[in-house]
Amino acid sequence: MGTFSVWHWLIVLVIVLVLFGGGGKIPKLMRDMGKGINAFKKGLKEEPKDSDVADENDAIEQGNVAASTAAEDKDKSAAQS
């Protein structure tokens, strides 16, 4: 006999959901999941505004300047030692 496999438990779970949750809840859950996927895909397709791209480029450039300044300071302190 032994324990049930994963498929057995999934079938039992679906039957319990239909009996106690009502038949309308599963289609509603699937519809909501589909709307979420469509919204995610739509968000991926939208191109960022020019101002958003400019802000990201400024942030990257500022990070590069800070990193190069820190490296120069480190080199100067090593040379003085």
C-alpha atoms as a PDB file:
ATOM      1  CA  MET A   1       0.000   0.000   0.000  1.00  0.00           C
ATOM      2  CA  GLY A   2       2.394   2.773   1.151  1.00  0.00           C
ATOM      3  CA  THR A   3       1.903   6.498   0.797  1.00  0.00           C
ATOM      4  CA  PHE A   4       0.157   8.261  -2.009  1.00  0.00           C
ATOM      5  CA  SER A   5       2.125   9.860  -4.815  1.00  0.00           C
ATOM      6  CA  VAL A   6       2.088  13.576  -5.603  1.00  0.00           C
ATOM      7  CA  TRP A   7      -0.561  13.059  -8.293  1.00  0.00           C
ATOM      8  CA  HIS A   8      -2.913  11.410  -5.822  1.00  0.00           C
ATOM      9  CA  TRP A   9      -2.584  14.355  -3.434  1.00  0.00           C
ATOM     10  CA  LEU A  10      -3.178  16.872  -6.247  1.00  0.00           C
ATOM     11  CA  ILE A  11      -6.353  15.087  -7.344  1.00  0.00           C
ATOM     12  CA  VAL A  12      -7.629  14.981  -3.752  1.00  0.00           C
ATOM     13  CA  LEU A  13      -6.803  18.681  -3.331  1.00  0.00           C
ATOM     14  CA  VAL A  14      -8.726  19.633  -6.490  1.00  0.00           C
ATOM     15  CA  ILE A  15     -11.755  17.615  -5.391  1.00  0.00           C
ATOM     16  CA  VAL A  16     -11.709  19.222  -1.936  1.00  0.00           C
ATOM     17  CA  LEU A  17     -11.403  22.713  -3.465  1.00  0.00           C
ATOM     18  CA  VAL A  18     -14.356  22.115  -5.785  1.00  0.00           C
ATOM     19  CA  LEU A  19     -16.531  20.633  -3.048  1.00  0.00           C
ATOM     20  CA  PHE A  20     -15.817  23.142  -0.292  1.00  0.00           C
ATOM     21  CA  GLY A  21     -14.704  26.180  -2.250  1.00  0.00           C
ATOM     22  CA  GLY A  22     -17.375  26.120  -4.886  1.00  0.00           C
ATOM     23  CA  GLY A  23     -16.896  25.655  -8.599  1.00  0.00           C
ATOM     24  CA  GLY A  24     -16.650  29.379  -9.323  1.00  0.00           C
ATOM     25  CA  LYS A  25     -13.503  30.045  -7.318  1.00  0.00           C
ATOM     26  CA  ILE A  26     -11.065  28.132  -9.523  1.00  0.00           C
ATOM     27  CA  PRO A  27     -12.034  29.954 -12.750  1.00  0.00           C
ATOM     28  CA  LYS A  28     -11.894  33.248 -10.860  1.00  0.00           C
ATOM     29  CA  LEU A  29      -8.377  32.436  -9.633  1.00  0.00           C
ATOM     30  CA  MET A  30      -7.266  31.505 -13.154  1.00  0.00           C
ATOM     31  CA  ARG A  31      -8.813  34.702 -14.582  1.00  0.00           C
ATOM     32  CA  ASP A  32      -6.988  36.821 -11.993  1.00  0.00           C
ATOM     33  CA  MET A  33      -3.731  35.012 -12.735  1.00  0.00           C
ATOM     34  CA  GLY A  34      -4.210  35.663 -16.470  1.00  0.00           C
ATOM     35  CA  LYS A  35      -4.812  39.365 -15.832  1.00  0.00           C
ATOM     36  CA  GLY A  36      -1.642  39.504 -13.767  1.00  0.00           C
ATOM     37  CA  ILE A  37       0.394  37.862 -16.523  1.00  0.00           C
ATOM     38  CA  ASN A  38      -1.024  40.256 -19.134  1.00  0.00           C
ATOM     39  CA  ALA A  39      -0.213  43.261 -16.941  1.00  0.00           C
ATOM     40  CA  PHE A  40       3.335  41.954 -16.464  1.00  0.00           C
ATOM     41  CA  LYS A  41       3.831  41.507 -20.224  1.00  0.00           C
ATOM     42  CA  LYS A  42       2.428  44.978 -20.886  1.00  0.00           C
ATOM     43  CA  GLY A  43       4.856  46.437 -18.354  1.00  0.00           C
ATOM     44  CA  LEU A  44       7.768  44.724 -20.084  1.00  0.00           C
ATOM     45  CA  LYS A  45       6.755  46.104 -23.487  1.00  0.00           C
ATOM     46  CA  GLU A  46       6.477  49.706 -22.331  1.00  0.00           C
ATOM     47  CA  GLU A  47       9.583  51.719 -23.115  1.00  0.00           C
ATOM     48  CA  PRO A  48      10.990  53.933 -20.379  1.00  0.00           C
ATOM     49  CA  LYS A  49      10.567  57.670 -20.771  1.00  0.00           C
ATOM     50  CA  ASP A  50      13.557  59.725 -21.915  1.00  0.00           C
ATOM     51  CA  SER A  51      13.796  61.378 -18.496  1.00  0.00           C
ATOM     52  CA  ASP A  52      13.991  57.963 -16.807  1.00  0.00           C
ATOM     53  CA  VAL A  53      16.847  56.917 -19.095  1.00  0.00           C
ATOM     54  CA  ALA A  54      18.666  60.209 -18.468  1.00  0.00           C
ATOM     55  CA  ASP A  55      18.294  59.782 -14.691  1.00  0.00           C
ATOM     56  CA  GLU A  56      19.724  56.250 -14.882  1.00  0.00           C
ATOM     57  CA  ASN A  57      22.665  57.438 -16.995  1.00  0.00           C
ATOM     58  CA  ASP A  58      23.386  60.271 -14.528  1.00  0.00           C
ATOM     59  CA  ALA A  59      23.344  57.818 -11.626  1.00  0.00           C
ATOM     60  CA  ILE A  60      25.733  55.489 -13.452  1.00  0.00           C
ATOM     61  CA  GLU A  61      28.105  58.358 -14.283  1.00  0.00           C
ATOM     62  CA  GLN A  62      28.076  59.599 -10.684  1.00  0.00           C
ATOM     63  CA  GLY A  63      28.896  56.095  -9.487  1.00  0.00           C
ATOM     64  CA  ASN A  64      31.827  55.905 -11.925  1.00  0.00           C
ATOM     65  CA  VAL A  65      33.165  59.280 -10.754  1.00  0.00           C
ATOM     66  CA  ALA A  66      32.920  58.230  -7.106  1.00  0.00           C
ATOM     67  CA  ALA A  67      34.662  54.927  -7.823  1.00  0.00           C
ATOM     68  CA  SER A  68      37.497  56.576  -9.759  1.00  0.00           C
ATOM     69  CA  THR A  69      37.968  59.236  -7.038  1.00  0.00           C
ATOM     70  CA  ALA A  70      38.167  56.525  -4.363  1.00  0.00           C
ATOM     71  CA  ALA A  71      40.728  54.610  -6.425  1.00  0.00           C
ATOM     72  CA  GLU A  72      42.856  57.760  -6.890  1.00  0.00           C
ATOM     73  CA  ASP A  73      42.757  58.476  -3.140  1.00  0.00           C
ATOM     74  CA  LYS A  74      43.824  54.904  -2.424  1.00  0.00           C
ATOM     75  CA  ASP A  75      46.718  55.174  -4.894  1.00  0.00           C
ATOM     76  CA  LYS A  76      47.884  58.476  -3.347  1.00  0.00           C
ATOM     77  CA  SER A  77      47.840  57.040   0.173  1.00  0.00           C
ATOM     78  CA  ALA A  78      49.773  53.960  -0.986  1.00  0.00           C
ATOM     79  CA  ALA A  79      52.383  56.170  -2.686  1.00  0.00           C
ATOM     80  CA  GLN A  80      52.873  58.237   0.473  1.00  0.00           C
ATOM     81  CA  SER A  81      53.530  55.157   2.618  1.00  0.00           C
END
